[in-house]
Amino acid sequence: MTATDPTVRDLSEGDVLRTVLGRLGPSSALVGPGDDAAVIAAPDGRVVATTDTLVHGPDFRLSWSRAFDLGWKSAAVNLADVAAMGARPTALLVALALPEDTRLSWVAEFADGLRQACARLSPGCAVEGGDLTVSDTLTIAVTALGSLDGREPVLRSGARPGDVVAIAGETGSAAAGLAALFARFTDAGGHPVRFDPARAGADAAAIDAQLRPHPPIARGAEAAQRGATAMMDVSDGLALDATRLADASGVSLALASEHLGPDPARALAGGEDHALLATFPADVGLPDGFRRIGVVTVRSAAPLLIDGSALDGRTGWDPYRDWDAERG
């Protein structure tokens, strides 16, 4: 320990909280951080709410992710879920469970990541409260709130035969980055070693997409305004999430691999790009940022077709199915 960079073990909750609040910037809430709860405006009387938890081990590795990256990513993944409902993110609530040896500088950099992700991805949204506690395992839990601004929410269940299937954002980049990290930044036993950005080389962009995703947040509200019939965040791989949308809507999705980027297999199986998958009426022009990847068809035996052939919708990331395999 140094006098200028103590651990949370050496500080009170108030000391850590003051550091966090000092890095978050101005509040946009009616009542922001400092009271027992925040007061967030709900312009049309409805609030979109979502939550996501990141746990050291299955969700991130401290050897690879800097504190700033984790702050950014924990904001981005929740902002994307709000956007996928066609809503505008308005506030984040962040709970941190920190090991006792966590440096105060780490907490400050994490808060910087939260603030900058909100400023870049969803201006006007800010961290308005949360909680601090201690734990043997670093855990980050974020709740995001959003406003529909008078629109109806865009659900997974609204796709109709004849609709166009489109996507906004990256597909496969984050998976390529994770593969590069496992290939180049692990020891002989397969355990993560410290990631050095200077050694990323040709994999730099893909690794950045994994550690610091840039979901197209504003495109969610734009899709709703343009008449999107269904939409969802692609977090677990396009194949798995497209199957979920097809099942919710009672339809099948027929996708063309030529529209899935340079590595269709990785786009289908890989997750964490947090692209927005949406369906639109065929007579409606796609909003800026969306590109056509297929069509919605009447439900068949297979919920997902690639180039006319059925694809196993279980392809993708499922933490209950894949965590033990990844540890091995």
C-alpha atoms as a PDB file:
ATOM      1  CA  MET A   1       0.000   0.000   0.000  1.00  0.00           C
ATOM      2  CA  THR A   2       1.076   3.582  -0.627  1.00  0.00           C
ATOM      3  CA  ALA A   3      -0.225   6.706   1.060  1.00  0.00           C
ATOM      4  CA  THR A   4      -1.426   8.082  -2.258  1.00  0.00           C
ATOM      5  CA  ASP A   5      -3.121   4.919  -3.485  1.00  0.00           C
ATOM      6  CA  PRO A   6      -4.685   3.041  -0.563  1.00  0.00           C
ATOM      7  CA  THR A   7      -6.811  -0.063  -0.888  1.00  0.00           C
ATOM      8  CA  VAL A   8     -10.488  -0.112  -0.012  1.00  0.00           C
ATOM      9  CA  ARG A   9      -9.492  -2.066   3.123  1.00  0.00           C
ATOM     10  CA  ASP A  10      -7.824   1.094   4.431  1.00  0.00           C
ATOM     11  CA  LEU A  11     -10.764   3.399   3.718  1.00  0.00           C
ATOM     12  CA  SER A  12     -14.335   3.949   4.790  1.00  0.00           C
ATOM     13  CA  GLU A  13     -17.281   3.500   2.442  1.00  0.00           C
ATOM     14  CA  GLY A  14     -17.642   7.276   2.475  1.00  0.00           C
ATOM     15  CA  ASP A  15     -14.048   7.729   1.294  1.00  0.00           C
ATOM     16  CA  VAL A  16     -14.569   5.402  -1.661  1.00  0.00           C
ATOM     17  CA  LEU A  17     -17.951   6.912  -2.473  1.00  0.00           C
ATOM     18  CA  ARG A  18     -16.554  10.443  -2.535  1.00  0.00           C
ATOM     19  CA  THR A  19     -13.919   9.304  -5.012  1.00  0.00           C
ATOM     20  CA  VAL A  20     -16.537   7.729  -7.267  1.00  0.00           C
ATOM     21  CA  LEU A  21     -18.893  10.703  -7.145  1.00  0.00           C
ATOM     22  CA  GLY A  22     -16.049  13.070  -7.848  1.00  0.00           C
ATOM     23  CA  ARG A  23     -15.383  11.305 -11.160  1.00  0.00           C
ATOM     24  CA  LEU A  24     -18.928  10.910 -12.452  1.00  0.00           C
ATOM     25  CA  GLY A  25     -19.659  14.454 -13.548  1.00  0.00           C
ATOM     26  CA  PRO A  26     -22.925  16.369 -13.129  1.00  0.00           C
ATOM     27  CA  SER A  27     -26.181  14.586 -12.414  1.00  0.00           C
ATOM     28  CA  SER A  28     -29.054  14.767 -14.880  1.00  0.00           C
ATOM     29  CA  ALA A  29     -31.651  13.503 -12.382  1.00  0.00           C
ATOM     30  CA  LEU A  30     -34.237  15.478 -10.451  1.00  0.00           C
ATOM     31  CA  VAL A  31     -32.437  14.241  -7.342  1.00  0.00           C
ATOM     32  CA  GLY A  32     -29.042  12.706  -7.981  1.00  0.00           C
ATOM     33  CA  PRO A  33     -26.460  10.886  -5.873  1.00  0.00           C
ATOM     34  CA  GLY A  34     -26.261  11.806  -2.207  1.00  0.00           C
ATOM     35  CA  ASP A  35     -29.669  10.809  -0.843  1.00  0.00           C
ATOM     36  CA  ASP A  36     -31.046   7.361  -0.069  1.00  0.00           C
ATOM     37  CA  ALA A  37     -32.424   7.143  -3.607  1.00  0.00           C
ATOM     38  CA  ALA A  38     -32.367   9.129  -6.822  1.00  0.00           C
ATOM     39  CA  VAL A  39     -35.431  10.713  -8.396  1.00  0.00           C
ATOM     40  CA  ILE A  40     -35.517  10.190 -12.169  1.00  0.00           C
ATOM     41  CA  ALA A  41     -37.956  11.928 -14.496  1.00  0.00           C
ATOM     42  CA  ALA A  42     -40.417   9.696 -16.363  1.00  0.00           C
ATOM     43  CA  PRO A  43     -41.678  12.008 -19.129  1.00  0.00           C
ATOM     44  CA  ASP A  44     -44.580   9.811 -20.266  1.00  0.00           C
ATOM     45  CA  GLY A  45     -45.182   7.940 -17.013  1.00  0.00           C
ATOM     46  CA  ARG A  46     -43.331   4.765 -18.064  1.00  0.00           C
ATOM     47  CA  VAL A  47     -39.815   3.611 -17.246  1.00  0.00           C
ATOM     48  CA  VAL A  48     -37.803   1.044 -19.198  1.00  0.00           C
ATOM     49  CA  ALA A  49     -35.605  -0.900 -16.752  1.00  0.00           C
ATOM     50  CA  THR A  50     -32.932  -3.544 -17.189  1.00  0.00           C
ATOM     51  CA  THR A  51     -30.074  -4.984 -15.160  1.00  0.00           C
ATOM     52  CA  ASP A  52     -26.892  -6.889 -15.906  1.00  0.00           C
ATOM     53  CA  THR A  53     -24.178  -8.407 -13.708  1.00  0.00           C
ATOM     54  CA  LEU A  54     -20.510  -8.838 -14.613  1.00  0.00           C
ATOM     55  CA  VAL A  55     -18.515 -11.258 -12.448  1.00  0.00           C
ATOM     56  CA  HIS A  56     -14.766 -11.735 -12.508  1.00  0.00           C
ATOM     57  CA  GLY A  57     -14.127 -15.099 -14.158  1.00  0.00           C
ATOM     58  CA  PRO A  58     -17.049 -15.898 -16.437  1.00  0.00           C
ATOM     59  CA  ASP A  59     -17.603 -12.318 -17.650  1.00  0.00           C
ATOM     60  CA  PHE A  60     -14.180 -10.650 -17.579  1.00  0.00           C
ATOM     61  CA  ARG A  61     -10.565 -11.173 -16.540  1.00  0.00           C
ATOM     62  CA  LEU A  62      -8.660  -8.499 -14.670  1.00  0.00           C
ATOM     63  CA  SER A  63      -5.514  -9.604 -16.496  1.00  0.00           C
ATOM     64  CA  TRP A  64      -7.115  -8.366 -19.721  1.00  0.00           C
ATOM     65  CA  SER A  65      -9.507  -5.600 -18.672  1.00  0.00           C
ATOM     66  CA  ARG A  66      -8.379  -2.314 -17.194  1.00  0.00           C
ATOM     67  CA  ALA A  67     -10.641  -0.570 -14.708  1.00  0.00           C
ATOM     68  CA  PHE A  68     -11.611   2.017 -17.327  1.00  0.00           C
ATOM     69  CA  ASP A  69     -12.548  -0.739 -19.780  1.00  0.00           C
ATOM     70  CA  LEU A  70     -14.774  -2.427 -17.190  1.00  0.00           C
ATOM     71  CA  GLY A  71     -16.511   0.833 -16.350  1.00  0.00           C
ATOM     72  CA  TRP A  72     -17.129   1.444 -20.048  1.00  0.00           C
ATOM     73  CA  LYS A  73     -18.303  -2.106 -20.766  1.00  0.00           C
ATOM     74  CA  SER A  74     -20.619  -2.341 -17.765  1.00  0.00           C
ATOM     75  CA  ALA A  75     -22.332   0.857 -18.946  1.00  0.00           C
ATOM     76  CA  ALA A  76     -22.412  -0.138 -22.620  1.00  0.00           C
ATOM     77  CA  VAL A  77     -24.047  -3.545 -22.168  1.00  0.00           C
ATOM     78  CA  ASN A  78     -26.895  -2.038 -20.155  1.00  0.00           C
ATOM     79  CA  LEU A  79     -27.379   0.965 -22.431  1.00  0.00           C
ATOM     80  CA  ALA A  80     -27.748  -1.492 -25.317  1.00  0.00           C
ATOM     81  CA  ASP A  81     -30.601  -3.323 -23.585  1.00  0.00           C
ATOM     82  CA  VAL A  82     -32.503  -0.064 -23.112  1.00  0.00           C
ATOM     83  CA  ALA A  83     -31.871   0.908 -26.741  1.00  0.00           C
ATOM     84  CA  ALA A  84     -33.157  -2.485 -27.892  1.00  0.00           C
ATOM     85  CA  MET A  85     -36.574  -1.569 -26.481  1.00  0.00           C
ATOM     86  CA  GLY A  86     -36.624   1.548 -28.658  1.00  0.00           C
ATOM     87  CA  ALA A  87     -35.968   3.723 -25.610  1.00  0.00           C
ATOM     88  CA  ARG A  88     -33.582   6.524 -24.684  1.00  0.00           C
ATOM     89  CA  PRO A  89     -31.315   5.708 -21.696  1.00  0.00           C
ATOM     90  CA  THR A  90     -31.731   8.177 -18.844  1.00  0.00           C
ATOM     91  CA  ALA A  91     -29.850   6.806 -15.826  1.00  0.00           C
ATOM     92  CA  LEU A  92     -27.597   4.056 -14.500  1.00  0.00           C
ATOM     93  CA  LEU A  93     -27.472   2.630 -10.979  1.00  0.00           C
ATOM     94  CA  VAL A  94     -24.199   0.845 -10.254  1.00  0.00           C
ATOM     95  CA  ALA A  95     -23.426  -1.611  -7.438  1.00  0.00           C
ATOM     96  CA  LEU A  96     -19.829  -2.648  -6.853  1.00  0.00           C
ATOM     97  CA  ALA A  97     -18.684  -5.591  -4.732  1.00  0.00           C
ATOM     98  CA  LEU A  98     -14.933  -5.037  -4.317  1.00  0.00           C
ATOM     99  CA  PRO A  99     -12.188  -7.275  -2.926  1.00  0.00           C
ATOM    100  CA  GLU A 100     -10.469  -5.613   0.030  1.00  0.00           C
ATOM    101  CA  ASP A 101      -7.173  -5.221  -1.823  1.00  0.00           C
ATOM    102  CA  THR A 102      -8.741  -3.135  -4.605  1.00  0.00           C
ATOM    103  CA  ARG A 103      -6.811   0.125  -5.050  1.00  0.00           C
ATOM    104  CA  LEU A 104      -8.656   3.422  -4.807  1.00  0.00           C
ATOM    105  CA  SER A 105      -7.099   4.404  -8.136  1.00  0.00           C
ATOM    106  CA  TRP A 106      -8.803   1.362  -9.724  1.00  0.00           C
ATOM    107  CA  VAL A 107     -12.186   2.548  -8.446  1.00  0.00           C
ATOM    108  CA  ALA A 108     -11.525   6.053  -9.785  1.00  0.00           C
ATOM    109  CA  GLU A 109     -10.599   4.716 -13.237  1.00  0.00           C
ATOM    110  CA  PHE A 110     -13.704   2.506 -13.246  1.00  0.00           C
ATOM    111  CA  ALA A 111     -15.854   5.581 -12.574  1.00  0.00           C
ATOM    112  CA  ASP A 112     -14.070   7.401 -15.415  1.00  0.00           C
ATOM    113  CA  GLY A 113     -15.052   4.558 -17.740  1.00  0.00           C
ATOM    114  CA  LEU A 114     -18.688   4.784 -16.669  1.00  0.00           C
ATOM    115  CA  ARG A 115     -18.770   8.543 -17.221  1.00  0.00           C
ATOM    116  CA  GLN A 116     -17.110   8.480 -20.616  1.00  0.00           C
ATOM    117  CA  ALA A 117     -19.243   5.598 -21.907  1.00  0.00           C
ATOM    118  CA  CYS A 118     -22.392   7.527 -21.044  1.00  0.00           C
ATOM    119  CA  ALA A 119     -21.026  10.705 -22.602  1.00  0.00           C
ATOM    120  CA  ARG A 120     -19.973   8.987 -25.835  1.00  0.00           C
ATOM    121  CA  LEU A 121     -22.710   6.390 -26.294  1.00  0.00           C
ATOM    122  CA  SER A 122     -25.759   8.066 -24.755  1.00  0.00           C
ATOM    123  CA  PRO A 123     -25.311  11.780 -23.979  1.00  0.00           C
ATOM    124  CA  GLY A 124     -27.664  12.895 -21.222  1.00  0.00           C
ATOM    125  CA  CYS A 125     -27.518   9.575 -19.386  1.00  0.00           C
ATOM    126  CA  ALA A 126     -25.475   9.448 -16.173  1.00  0.00           C
ATOM    127  CA  VAL A 127     -24.826   7.328 -13.097  1.00  0.00           C
ATOM    128  CA  GLU A 128     -27.363   8.477 -10.520  1.00  0.00           C
ATOM    129  CA  GLY A 129     -26.745   6.095  -7.625  1.00  0.00           C
ATOM    130  CA  GLY A 130     -25.731   2.620  -6.558  1.00  0.00           C
ATOM    131  CA  ASP A 131     -24.096   0.688  -3.760  1.00  0.00           C
ATOM    132  CA  LEU A 132     -20.686  -0.335  -2.466  1.00  0.00           C
ATOM    133  CA  THR A 133     -19.792  -3.509  -0.601  1.00  0.00           C
ATOM    134  CA  VAL A 134     -16.914  -5.964  -0.212  1.00  0.00           C
ATOM    135  CA  SER A 135     -16.580  -9.434  -1.707  1.00  0.00           C
ATOM    136  CA  ASP A 136     -13.912 -12.016  -2.451  1.00  0.00           C
ATOM    137  CA  THR A 137     -14.971 -11.807  -6.112  1.00  0.00           C
ATOM    138  CA  LEU A 138     -15.142  -8.517  -7.994  1.00  0.00           C
ATOM    139  CA  THR A 139     -18.756  -8.129  -9.102  1.00  0.00           C
ATOM    140  CA  ILE A 140     -20.373  -5.274 -11.005  1.00  0.00           C
ATOM    141  CA  ALA A 141     -24.167  -4.975 -11.134  1.00  0.00           C
ATOM    142  CA  VAL A 142     -25.724  -2.205 -13.207  1.00  0.00           C
ATOM    143  CA  THR A 143     -29.363  -1.206 -13.567  1.00  0.00           C
ATOM    144  CA  ALA A 144     -30.232   1.026 -16.517  1.00  0.00           C
ATOM    145  CA  LEU A 145     -33.365   3.126 -16.865  1.00  0.00           C
ATOM    146  CA  GLY A 146     -34.795   4.636 -20.007  1.00  0.00           C
ATOM    147  CA  SER A 147     -37.635   6.681 -21.442  1.00  0.00           C
ATOM    148  CA  LEU A 148     -39.882   5.737 -24.350  1.00  0.00           C
ATOM    149  CA  ASP A 149     -40.646   9.420 -25.000  1.00  0.00           C
ATOM    150  CA  GLY A 150     -44.240   8.652 -25.908  1.00  0.00           C
ATOM    151  CA  ARG A 151     -43.491   5.686 -28.195  1.00  0.00           C
ATOM    152  CA  GLU A 152     -44.558   2.096 -27.691  1.00  0.00           C
ATOM    153  CA  PRO A 153     -41.773  -0.309 -26.703  1.00  0.00           C
ATOM    154  CA  VAL A 154     -40.320  -2.490 -29.445  1.00  0.00           C
ATOM    155  CA  LEU A 155     -40.574  -6.101 -28.277  1.00  0.00           C
ATOM    156  CA  ARG A 156     -39.020  -9.328 -29.507  1.00  0.00           C
ATOM    157  CA  SER A 157     -42.473 -10.657 -30.288  1.00  0.00           C
ATOM    158  CA  GLY A 158     -43.597  -8.339 -33.088  1.00  0.00           C
ATOM    159  CA  ALA A 159     -41.835  -9.695 -36.192  1.00  0.00           C
ATOM    160  CA  ARG A 160     -44.181 -10.613 -39.045  1.00  0.00           C
ATOM    161  CA  PRO A 161     -43.732 -12.701 -42.209  1.00  0.00           C
ATOM    162  CA  GLY A 162     -42.524 -10.440 -44.991  1.00  0.00           C
ATOM    163  CA  ASP A 163     -40.604  -8.100 -42.682  1.00  0.00           C
ATOM    164  CA  VAL A 164     -36.980  -7.283 -43.444  1.00  0.00           C
ATOM    165  CA  VAL A 165     -34.366  -8.476 -40.933  1.00  0.00           C
ATOM    166  CA  ALA A 166     -31.655  -5.861 -40.320  1.00  0.00           C
ATOM    167  CA  ILE A 167     -28.817  -5.206 -37.927  1.00  0.00           C
ATOM    168  CA  ALA A 168     -26.951  -2.149 -36.696  1.00  0.00           C
ATOM    169  CA  GLY A 169     -23.468  -2.413 -35.243  1.00  0.00           C
ATOM    170  CA  GLU A 170     -20.628  -4.918 -35.262  1.00  0.00           C
ATOM    171  CA  THR A 171     -21.029  -8.659 -35.775  1.00  0.00           C
ATOM    172  CA  GLY A 172     -18.212 -10.981 -34.803  1.00  0.00           C
ATOM    173  CA  SER A 173     -15.590  -8.399 -33.828  1.00  0.00           C
ATOM    174  CA  ALA A 174     -15.830  -8.947 -30.075  1.00  0.00           C
ATOM    175  CA  ALA A 175     -15.636 -12.718 -30.535  1.00  0.00           C
ATOM    176  CA  ALA A 176     -12.535 -12.272 -32.691  1.00  0.00           C
ATOM    177  CA  GLY A 177     -11.036 -10.132 -29.940  1.00  0.00           C
ATOM    178  CA  LEU A 178     -11.760 -12.742 -27.283  1.00  0.00           C
ATOM    179  CA  ALA A 179     -10.196 -15.432 -29.467  1.00  0.00           C
ATOM    180  CA  ALA A 180      -7.082 -13.257 -29.879  1.00  0.00           C
ATOM    181  CA  LEU A 181      -6.827 -12.747 -26.122  1.00  0.00           C
ATOM    182  CA  PHE A 182      -7.054 -16.482 -25.456  1.00  0.00           C
ATOM    183  CA  ALA A 183      -4.556 -17.237 -28.226  1.00  0.00           C
ATOM    184  CA  ARG A 184      -1.952 -14.598 -27.416  1.00  0.00           C
ATOM    185  CA  PHE A 185      -2.374 -13.548 -23.786  1.00  0.00           C
ATOM    186  CA  THR A 186      -2.483 -16.808 -21.836  1.00  0.00           C
ATOM    187  CA  ASP A 187       0.281 -18.885 -20.277  1.00  0.00           C
ATOM    188  CA  ALA A 188       1.161 -22.498 -21.033  1.00  0.00           C
ATOM    189  CA  GLY A 189      -1.668 -23.640 -18.760  1.00  0.00           C
ATOM    190  CA  GLY A 190      -4.225 -21.498 -20.560  1.00  0.00           C
ATOM    191  CA  HIS A 191      -4.499 -18.941 -17.744  1.00  0.00           C
ATOM    192  CA  PRO A 192      -4.810 -15.239 -18.669  1.00  0.00           C
ATOM    193  CA  VAL A 193      -1.661 -13.123 -18.495  1.00  0.00           C
ATOM    194  CA  ARG A 194      -1.459  -9.346 -18.529  1.00  0.00           C
ATOM    195  CA  PHE A 195      -2.745  -7.826 -21.758  1.00  0.00           C
ATOM    196  CA  ASP A 196      -0.361  -5.299 -23.258  1.00  0.00           C
ATOM    197  CA  PRO A 197      -2.095  -3.057 -25.848  1.00  0.00           C
ATOM    198  CA  ALA A 198       1.291  -2.368 -27.433  1.00  0.00           C
ATOM    199  CA  ARG A 199       1.450  -6.059 -28.412  1.00  0.00           C
ATOM    200  CA  ALA A 200      -2.047  -6.246 -29.875  1.00  0.00           C
ATOM    201  CA  GLY A 201      -0.864  -5.576 -33.430  1.00  0.00           C
ATOM    202  CA  ALA A 202      -3.387  -6.513 -36.101  1.00  0.00           C
ATOM    203  CA  ASP A 203      -5.806  -7.722 -33.404  1.00  0.00           C
ATOM    204  CA  ALA A 204      -6.065  -4.295 -31.727  1.00  0.00           C
ATOM    205  CA  ALA A 205      -9.453  -3.312 -33.156  1.00  0.00           C
ATOM    206  CA  ALA A 206     -11.028  -6.697 -32.396  1.00  0.00           C
ATOM    207  CA  ILE A 207      -9.663  -6.745 -28.843  1.00  0.00           C
ATOM    208  CA  ASP A 208     -10.962  -3.213 -28.303  1.00  0.00           C
ATOM    209  CA  ALA A 209     -14.395  -4.374 -29.499  1.00  0.00           C
ATOM    210  CA  GLN A 210     -14.315  -7.094 -26.842  1.00  0.00           C
ATOM    211  CA  LEU A 211     -13.002  -5.003 -23.961  1.00  0.00           C
ATOM    212  CA  ARG A 212     -14.740  -1.724 -24.811  1.00  0.00           C
ATOM    213  CA  PRO A 213     -17.804  -2.338 -27.033  1.00  0.00           C
ATOM    214  CA  HIS A 214     -19.450   0.516 -28.931  1.00  0.00           C
ATOM    215  CA  PRO A 215     -23.108  -0.468 -29.373  1.00  0.00           C
ATOM    216  CA  PRO A 216     -25.162   1.882 -31.576  1.00  0.00           C
ATOM    217  CA  ILE A 217     -27.347   3.188 -28.739  1.00  0.00           C
ATOM    218  CA  ALA A 218     -29.049   6.025 -30.614  1.00  0.00           C
ATOM    219  CA  ARG A 219     -30.130   3.630 -33.380  1.00  0.00           C
ATOM    220  CA  GLY A 220     -32.614   1.952 -31.036  1.00  0.00           C
ATOM    221  CA  ALA A 221     -34.896   4.974 -30.715  1.00  0.00           C
ATOM    222  CA  GLU A 222     -34.423   5.720 -34.421  1.00  0.00           C
ATOM    223  CA  ALA A 223     -35.544   2.189 -35.300  1.00  0.00           C
ATOM    224  CA  ALA A 224     -38.652   2.602 -33.151  1.00  0.00           C
ATOM    225  CA  GLN A 225     -39.478   5.884 -34.854  1.00  0.00           C
ATOM    226  CA  ARG A 226     -39.099   4.217 -38.258  1.00  0.00           C
ATOM    227  CA  GLY A 227     -41.589   1.469 -37.339  1.00  0.00           C
ATOM    228  CA  ALA A 228     -39.443  -1.476 -36.221  1.00  0.00           C
ATOM    229  CA  THR A 229     -41.725  -4.413 -35.483  1.00  0.00           C
ATOM    230  CA  ALA A 230     -39.268  -6.318 -33.257  1.00  0.00           C
ATOM    231  CA  MET A 231     -35.810  -5.662 -31.849  1.00  0.00           C
ATOM    232  CA  MET A 232     -33.250  -7.032 -29.416  1.00  0.00           C
ATOM    233  CA  ASP A 233     -29.659  -6.609 -28.307  1.00  0.00           C
ATOM    234  CA  VAL A 234     -27.281  -9.210 -29.766  1.00  0.00           C
ATOM    235  CA  SER A 235     -25.194 -10.162 -26.738  1.00  0.00           C
ATOM    236  CA  ASP A 236     -24.926 -13.958 -26.982  1.00  0.00           C
ATOM    237  CA  GLY A 237     -24.262 -14.404 -30.696  1.00  0.00           C
ATOM    238  CA  LEU A 238     -26.468 -13.680 -33.680  1.00  0.00           C
ATOM    239  CA  ALA A 239     -27.647 -17.285 -34.112  1.00  0.00           C
ATOM    240  CA  LEU A 240     -28.824 -17.693 -30.519  1.00  0.00           C
ATOM    241  CA  ASP A 241     -30.388 -14.244 -30.266  1.00  0.00           C
ATOM    242  CA  ALA A 242     -32.055 -14.424 -33.693  1.00  0.00           C
ATOM    243  CA  THR A 243     -33.569 -17.737 -32.625  1.00  0.00           C
ATOM    244  CA  ARG A 244     -34.908 -16.084 -29.477  1.00  0.00           C
ATOM    245  CA  LEU A 245     -36.528 -13.332 -31.543  1.00  0.00           C
ATOM    246  CA  ALA A 246     -37.998 -15.878 -33.973  1.00  0.00           C
ATOM    247  CA  ASP A 247     -39.399 -17.969 -31.114  1.00  0.00           C
ATOM    248  CA  ALA A 248     -40.896 -14.928 -29.371  1.00  0.00           C
ATOM    249  CA  SER A 249     -42.574 -13.820 -32.614  1.00  0.00           C
ATOM    250  CA  GLY A 250     -43.665 -17.285 -33.763  1.00  0.00           C
ATOM    251  CA  VAL A 251     -41.860 -16.888 -37.099  1.00  0.00           C
ATOM    252  CA  SER A 252     -38.662 -18.024 -38.788  1.00  0.00           C
ATOM    253  CA  LEU A 253     -35.762 -15.798 -39.815  1.00  0.00           C
ATOM    254  CA  ALA A 254     -34.009 -16.517 -43.111  1.00  0.00           C
ATOM    255  CA  LEU A 255     -30.568 -14.879 -43.132  1.00  0.00           C
ATOM    256  CA  ALA A 256     -27.975 -14.642 -45.914  1.00  0.00           C
ATOM    257  CA  SER A 257     -24.360 -15.317 -44.904  1.00  0.00           C
ATOM    258  CA  GLU A 258     -23.080 -12.847 -47.513  1.00  0.00           C
ATOM    259  CA  HIS A 259     -24.510 -10.040 -45.368  1.00  0.00           C
ATOM    260  CA  LEU A 260     -22.888 -11.195 -42.123  1.00  0.00           C
ATOM    261  CA  GLY A 261     -19.444  -9.705 -42.632  1.00  0.00           C
ATOM    262  CA  PRO A 262     -16.069 -11.246 -43.469  1.00  0.00           C
ATOM    263  CA  ASP A 263     -16.484 -14.142 -40.998  1.00  0.00           C
ATOM    264  CA  PRO A 264     -20.142 -15.282 -40.965  1.00  0.00           C
ATOM    265  CA  ALA A 265     -19.430 -18.230 -38.660  1.00  0.00           C
ATOM    266  CA  ARG A 266     -17.955 -15.952 -36.019  1.00  0.00           C
ATOM    267  CA  ALA A 267     -20.770 -13.427 -36.442  1.00  0.00           C
ATOM    268  CA  LEU A 268     -23.311 -16.194 -35.826  1.00  0.00           C
ATOM    269  CA  ALA A 269     -21.582 -17.857 -32.888  1.00  0.00           C
ATOM    270  CA  GLY A 270     -19.784 -14.979 -31.191  1.00  0.00           C
ATOM    271  CA  GLY A 271     -21.365 -12.495 -28.812  1.00  0.00           C
ATOM    272  CA  GLU A 272     -20.717  -9.256 -26.930  1.00  0.00           C
ATOM    273  CA  ASP A 273     -20.761  -6.850 -29.858  1.00  0.00           C
ATOM    274  CA  HIS A 274     -24.174  -5.661 -28.616  1.00  0.00           C
ATOM    275  CA  ALA A 275     -25.463  -4.937 -32.095  1.00  0.00           C
ATOM    276  CA  LEU A 276     -29.173  -4.231 -32.515  1.00  0.00           C
ATOM    277  CA  LEU A 277     -31.122  -6.904 -34.405  1.00  0.00           C
ATOM    278  CA  ALA A 278     -34.444  -5.595 -35.716  1.00  0.00           C
ATOM    279  CA  THR A 279     -37.241  -6.324 -38.158  1.00  0.00           C
ATOM    280  CA  PHE A 280     -38.986  -3.694 -40.282  1.00  0.00           C
ATOM    281  CA  PRO A 281     -41.960  -3.686 -42.655  1.00  0.00           C
ATOM    282  CA  ALA A 282     -40.789  -4.306 -46.208  1.00  0.00           C
ATOM    283  CA  ASP A 283     -42.164  -0.964 -47.398  1.00  0.00           C
ATOM    284  CA  VAL A 284     -40.267   1.072 -44.810  1.00  0.00           C
ATOM    285  CA  GLY A 285     -36.763   2.297 -45.581  1.00  0.00           C
ATOM    286  CA  LEU A 286     -34.143   1.154 -43.092  1.00  0.00           C
ATOM    287  CA  PRO A 287     -32.858   3.798 -40.671  1.00  0.00           C
ATOM    288  CA  ASP A 288     -29.263   4.967 -41.049  1.00  0.00           C
ATOM    289  CA  GLY A 289     -26.857   2.453 -39.584  1.00  0.00           C
ATOM    290  CA  PHE A 290     -29.020  -0.606 -40.228  1.00  0.00           C
ATOM    291  CA  ARG A 291     -28.188  -3.068 -42.997  1.00  0.00           C
ATOM    292  CA  ARG A 292     -30.405  -5.818 -44.369  1.00  0.00           C
ATOM    293  CA  ILE A 293     -29.351  -9.392 -43.523  1.00  0.00           C
ATOM    294  CA  GLY A 294     -32.485 -11.409 -44.307  1.00  0.00           C
ATOM    295  CA  VAL A 295     -36.255 -11.727 -44.208  1.00  0.00           C
ATOM    296  CA  VAL A 296     -38.942 -12.958 -41.842  1.00  0.00           C
ATOM    297  CA  THR A 297     -40.860 -16.011 -43.065  1.00  0.00           C
ATOM    298  CA  VAL A 298     -43.827 -18.055 -41.896  1.00  0.00           C
ATOM    299  CA  ARG A 299     -42.810 -20.353 -39.070  1.00  0.00           C
ATOM    300  CA  SER A 300     -41.198 -23.571 -40.260  1.00  0.00           C
ATOM    301  CA  ALA A 301     -39.612 -26.481 -38.441  1.00  0.00           C
ATOM    302  CA  ALA A 302     -36.438 -24.390 -38.059  1.00  0.00           C
ATOM    303  CA  PRO A 303     -36.645 -20.947 -36.426  1.00  0.00           C
ATOM    304  CA  LEU A 304     -33.382 -19.880 -38.096  1.00  0.00           C
ATOM    305  CA  LEU A 305     -32.226 -20.501 -41.659  1.00  0.00           C
ATOM    306  CA  ILE A 306     -28.833 -19.544 -43.098  1.00  0.00           C
ATOM    307  CA  ASP A 307     -28.686 -19.584 -46.895  1.00  0.00           C
ATOM    308  CA  GLY A 308     -31.759 -21.813 -46.844  1.00  0.00           C
ATOM    309  CA  SER A 309     -30.392 -24.390 -44.390  1.00  0.00           C
ATOM    310  CA  ALA A 310     -31.495 -24.818 -40.783  1.00  0.00           C
ATOM    311  CA  LEU A 311     -28.997 -23.692 -38.134  1.00  0.00           C
ATOM    312  CA  ASP A 312     -28.894 -24.942 -34.570  1.00  0.00           C
ATOM    313  CA  GLY A 313     -30.158 -21.968 -32.548  1.00  0.00           C
ATOM    314  CA  ARG A 314     -28.110 -23.078 -29.548  1.00  0.00           C
ATOM    315  CA  THR A 315     -24.973 -21.800 -31.272  1.00  0.00           C
ATOM    316  CA  GLY A 316     -23.686 -18.921 -29.110  1.00  0.00           C
ATOM    317  CA  TRP A 317     -22.858 -18.110 -25.506  1.00  0.00           C
ATOM    318  CA  ASP A 318     -24.947 -19.601 -22.700  1.00  0.00           C
ATOM    319  CA  PRO A 319     -23.299 -19.061 -19.279  1.00  0.00           C
ATOM    320  CA  TYR A 320     -24.974 -22.122 -17.748  1.00  0.00           C
ATOM    321  CA  ARG A 321     -23.898 -24.356 -20.619  1.00  0.00           C
ATOM    322  CA  ASP A 322     -20.497 -22.860 -21.546  1.00  0.00           C
ATOM    323  CA  TRP A 323     -18.838 -21.713 -18.308  1.00  0.00           C
ATOM    324  CA  ASP A 324     -17.526 -25.095 -17.217  1.00  0.00           C
ATOM    325  CA  ALA A 325     -16.233 -25.810 -20.722  1.00  0.00           C
ATOM    326  CA  GLU A 326     -14.417 -22.478 -20.885  1.00  0.00           C
ATOM    327  CA  ARG A 327     -12.760 -23.022 -17.490  1.00  0.00           C
ATOM    328  CA  GLY A 328     -11.539 -26.393 -18.709  1.00  0.00           C
END
